[in-house]
């Protein structure tokens, strides 16, 4: 299955800075976008640091810091509308529920990322900050 960039996704201002929004309805279970970037080892990821590192296996990390990775703009939410599925080292993002045109896309970044990066400054998702 080919996963290509989606033309209906737009980067806009959100409550967390910049976010990724859909310009059309997305059905539950539908593929939304792939998180892409340079494939590096865990050791290299530890050396580089950064917010856009996404672990796909015990020793494989995708560094999604490049602006060509539109999925990097998907923000964390404690009540997300998307979910991540790692398939053969690829990070695929699917709709967790029906999503309406105009909605910001979000997924749960996970406990470790939340504790290290979000909790110290406070969560800005819709659920935590209405």
C-alpha atoms as a PDB file:
ATOM      1  CA  UNK A   1       0.000   0.000   0.000  1.00  0.00           C
ATOM      2  CA  UNK A   2       1.388   3.428  -0.973  1.00  0.00           C
ATOM      3  CA  UNK A   3       1.079   6.155   1.622  1.00  0.00           C
ATOM      4  CA  UNK A   4       1.335   9.539  -0.049  1.00  0.00           C
ATOM      5  CA  UNK A   5       1.125  13.074   1.361  1.00  0.00           C
ATOM      6  CA  UNK A   6      -2.410  14.329   1.690  1.00  0.00           C
ATOM      7  CA  UNK A   7      -3.381  17.604   0.005  1.00  0.00           C
ATOM      8  CA  UNK A   8      -6.303  18.168   2.400  1.00  0.00           C
ATOM      9  CA  UNK A   9      -4.019  18.770   5.405  1.00  0.00           C
ATOM     10  CA  UNK A  10      -2.939  22.281   6.410  1.00  0.00           C
ATOM     11  CA  UNK A  11      -0.566  23.650   9.043  1.00  0.00           C
ATOM     12  CA  UNK A  12      -2.216  26.461  11.019  1.00  0.00           C
ATOM     13  CA  UNK A  13      -2.060  28.165  14.389  1.00  0.00           C
ATOM     14  CA  UNK A  14      -3.418  26.087  17.266  1.00  0.00           C
ATOM     15  CA  UNK A  15      -3.609  26.379  21.043  1.00  0.00           C
ATOM     16  CA  UNK A  16      -0.240  24.597  21.243  1.00  0.00           C
ATOM     17  CA  UNK A  17       1.537  26.746  18.614  1.00  0.00           C
ATOM     18  CA  UNK A  18       1.269  25.251  15.143  1.00  0.00           C
ATOM     19  CA  UNK A  19      -0.980  22.288  14.442  1.00  0.00           C
ATOM     20  CA  UNK A  20      -2.161  20.118  11.568  1.00  0.00           C
ATOM     21  CA  UNK A  21      -5.774  20.531  10.465  1.00  0.00           C
ATOM     22  CA  UNK A  22      -7.962  18.700   7.963  1.00  0.00           C
ATOM     23  CA  UNK A  23      -9.923  20.536   5.278  1.00  0.00           C
ATOM     24  CA  UNK A  24     -12.306  17.620   4.729  1.00  0.00           C
ATOM     25  CA  UNK A  25     -14.068  15.009   6.823  1.00  0.00           C
ATOM     26  CA  UNK A  26     -12.004  11.917   7.628  1.00  0.00           C
ATOM     27  CA  UNK A  27     -13.685   8.596   8.423  1.00  0.00           C
ATOM     28  CA  UNK A  28     -12.798   6.447  11.398  1.00  0.00           C
ATOM     29  CA  UNK A  29      -9.995   4.026  10.455  1.00  0.00           C
ATOM     30  CA  UNK A  30      -8.918   6.043   7.413  1.00  0.00           C
ATOM     31  CA  UNK A  31      -5.201   6.561   6.794  1.00  0.00           C
ATOM     32  CA  UNK A  32      -4.340  10.231   7.406  1.00  0.00           C
ATOM     33  CA  UNK A  33      -0.592  10.753   6.987  1.00  0.00           C
ATOM     34  CA  UNK A  34       2.816   9.115   7.452  1.00  0.00           C
ATOM     35  CA  UNK A  35       5.398  10.473   9.911  1.00  0.00           C
ATOM     36  CA  UNK A  36       8.601  10.621   7.891  1.00  0.00           C
ATOM     37  CA  UNK A  37      12.224  11.588   8.375  1.00  0.00           C
ATOM     38  CA  UNK A  38      15.769  10.361   8.624  1.00  0.00           C
ATOM     39  CA  UNK A  39      16.145   6.829  10.019  1.00  0.00           C
ATOM     40  CA  UNK A  40      18.802   6.785  12.748  1.00  0.00           C
ATOM     41  CA  UNK A  41      19.951   4.543  15.586  1.00  0.00           C
ATOM     42  CA  UNK A  42      18.912   5.059  19.198  1.00  0.00           C
ATOM     43  CA  UNK A  43      22.504   6.063  20.033  1.00  0.00           C
ATOM     44  CA  UNK A  44      22.407   8.770  17.361  1.00  0.00           C
ATOM     45  CA  UNK A  45      18.993   9.917  18.597  1.00  0.00           C
ATOM     46  CA  UNK A  46      20.382  10.226  22.134  1.00  0.00           C
ATOM     47  CA  UNK A  47      23.311  12.224  20.795  1.00  0.00           C
ATOM     48  CA  UNK A  48      21.093  14.578  18.750  1.00  0.00           C
ATOM     49  CA  UNK A  49      18.199  15.007  21.145  1.00  0.00           C
ATOM     50  CA  UNK A  50      15.145  16.925  19.978  1.00  0.00           C
ATOM     51  CA  UNK A  51      11.373  16.865  20.037  1.00  0.00           C
ATOM     52  CA  UNK A  52      10.723  15.092  16.732  1.00  0.00           C
ATOM     53  CA  UNK A  53      12.343  11.734  17.471  1.00  0.00           C
ATOM     54  CA  UNK A  54       9.926   8.826  17.038  1.00  0.00           C
ATOM     55  CA  UNK A  55      11.043   5.353  18.125  1.00  0.00           C
ATOM     56  CA  UNK A  56       9.956   2.521  15.829  1.00  0.00           C
ATOM     57  CA  UNK A  57      11.904  -0.345  17.426  1.00  0.00           C
ATOM     58  CA  UNK A  58      14.507  -1.038  20.103  1.00  0.00           C
ATOM     59  CA  UNK A  59      17.295   0.522  18.031  1.00  0.00           C
ATOM     60  CA  UNK A  60      15.528   2.432  15.265  1.00  0.00           C
ATOM     61  CA  UNK A  61      14.316   6.028  15.461  1.00  0.00           C
ATOM     62  CA  UNK A  62      12.873   8.366  12.864  1.00  0.00           C
ATOM     63  CA  UNK A  63      14.045  11.962  13.186  1.00  0.00           C
ATOM     64  CA  UNK A  64      11.089  13.895  11.815  1.00  0.00           C
ATOM     65  CA  UNK A  65      12.471  17.402  12.311  1.00  0.00           C
ATOM     66  CA  UNK A  66      12.498  18.223   8.584  1.00  0.00           C
ATOM     67  CA  UNK A  67       9.785  20.606   7.384  1.00  0.00           C
ATOM     68  CA  UNK A  68       8.869  18.100   4.667  1.00  0.00           C
ATOM     69  CA  UNK A  69       7.383  15.922   7.405  1.00  0.00           C
ATOM     70  CA  UNK A  70       3.937  17.516   7.704  1.00  0.00           C
ATOM     71  CA  UNK A  71       2.978  14.946  10.375  1.00  0.00           C
ATOM     72  CA  UNK A  72       5.413  16.656  12.773  1.00  0.00           C
ATOM     73  CA  UNK A  73       2.717  19.306  13.264  1.00  0.00           C
ATOM     74  CA  UNK A  74       0.246  16.857  14.823  1.00  0.00           C
ATOM     75  CA  UNK A  75      -0.013  17.842  18.476  1.00  0.00           C
ATOM     76  CA  UNK A  76      -0.537  15.726  21.584  1.00  0.00           C
ATOM     77  CA  UNK A  77      -3.983  15.315  23.051  1.00  0.00           C
ATOM     78  CA  UNK A  78      -5.183  13.469  26.124  1.00  0.00           C
ATOM     79  CA  UNK A  79      -8.326  12.732  24.070  1.00  0.00           C
ATOM     80  CA  UNK A  80      -6.899  12.263  20.546  1.00  0.00           C
ATOM     81  CA  UNK A  81      -8.747  11.835  17.258  1.00  0.00           C
ATOM     82  CA  UNK A  82      -5.887   9.872  15.626  1.00  0.00           C
ATOM     83  CA  UNK A  83      -3.714   6.906  16.532  1.00  0.00           C
ATOM     84  CA  UNK A  84      -0.308   5.685  15.451  1.00  0.00           C
ATOM     85  CA  UNK A  85       0.375   2.298  13.884  1.00  0.00           C
ATOM     86  CA  UNK A  86       3.995   1.266  13.268  1.00  0.00           C
ATOM     87  CA  UNK A  87       4.201  -1.124  10.318  1.00  0.00           C
ATOM     88  CA  UNK A  88       7.534  -2.433   9.041  1.00  0.00           C
ATOM     89  CA  UNK A  89       9.355   0.551  10.509  1.00  0.00           C
ATOM     90  CA  UNK A  90       6.923   3.100   9.075  1.00  0.00           C
ATOM     91  CA  UNK A  91       4.888   5.420  11.295  1.00  0.00           C
ATOM     92  CA  UNK A  92       1.340   5.570   9.962  1.00  0.00           C
ATOM     93  CA  UNK A  93      -1.363   7.755  11.435  1.00  0.00           C
ATOM     94  CA  UNK A  94      -5.017   6.752  11.203  1.00  0.00           C
ATOM     95  CA  UNK A  95      -8.280   8.368  12.296  1.00  0.00           C
ATOM     96  CA  UNK A  96      -9.355   6.988  15.672  1.00  0.00           C
ATOM     97  CA  UNK A  97     -12.867   8.360  15.155  1.00  0.00           C
ATOM     98  CA  UNK A  98     -14.727  10.355  12.515  1.00  0.00           C
ATOM     99  CA  UNK A  99     -13.035  13.742  12.183  1.00  0.00           C
ATOM    100  CA  UNK A 100     -14.846  16.809  10.836  1.00  0.00           C
ATOM    101  CA  UNK A 101     -13.385  19.283   8.348  1.00  0.00           C
ATOM    102  CA  UNK A 102     -11.634  22.085  10.228  1.00  0.00           C
ATOM    103  CA  UNK A 103     -10.582  19.933  13.202  1.00  0.00           C
ATOM    104  CA  UNK A 104      -7.023  19.824  14.452  1.00  0.00           C
ATOM    105  CA  UNK A 105      -5.429  16.373  14.275  1.00  0.00           C
ATOM    106  CA  UNK A 106      -3.938  14.904  17.445  1.00  0.00           C
ATOM    107  CA  UNK A 107      -2.628  11.704  18.976  1.00  0.00           C
ATOM    108  CA  UNK A 108      -1.385  10.664  22.405  1.00  0.00           C
ATOM    109  CA  UNK A 109       2.398  11.097  22.520  1.00  0.00           C
ATOM    110  CA  UNK A 110       2.728   8.489  25.262  1.00  0.00           C
ATOM    111  CA  UNK A 111       3.642   8.553  28.930  1.00  0.00           C
ATOM    112  CA  UNK A 112       7.418   9.040  28.617  1.00  0.00           C
ATOM    113  CA  UNK A 113       7.210  11.969  26.190  1.00  0.00           C
ATOM    114  CA  UNK A 114       4.355  13.503  28.184  1.00  0.00           C
ATOM    115  CA  UNK A 115       6.306  13.340  31.456  1.00  0.00           C
ATOM    116  CA  UNK A 116       9.551  14.617  29.912  1.00  0.00           C
ATOM    117  CA  UNK A 117       8.278  17.398  27.656  1.00  0.00           C
ATOM    118  CA  UNK A 118       4.608  18.265  28.222  1.00  0.00           C
ATOM    119  CA  UNK A 119       3.961  17.932  31.968  1.00  0.00           C
ATOM    120  CA  UNK A 120       6.685  20.421  33.002  1.00  0.00           C
ATOM    121  CA  UNK A 121       5.003  23.221  30.998  1.00  0.00           C
ATOM    122  CA  UNK A 122       1.415  21.997  31.204  1.00  0.00           C
ATOM    123  CA  UNK A 123      -0.726  20.217  28.659  1.00  0.00           C
ATOM    124  CA  UNK A 124      -2.462  22.544  26.214  1.00  0.00           C
ATOM    125  CA  UNK A 125      -4.823  20.044  24.622  1.00  0.00           C
ATOM    126  CA  UNK A 126      -8.554  20.719  24.393  1.00  0.00           C
ATOM    127  CA  UNK A 127      -9.341  18.313  27.213  1.00  0.00           C
ATOM    128  CA  UNK A 128      -6.887  19.904  29.650  1.00  0.00           C
ATOM    129  CA  UNK A 129      -7.431  23.536  28.608  1.00  0.00           C
ATOM    130  CA  UNK A 130     -10.991  24.060  27.382  1.00  0.00           C
END
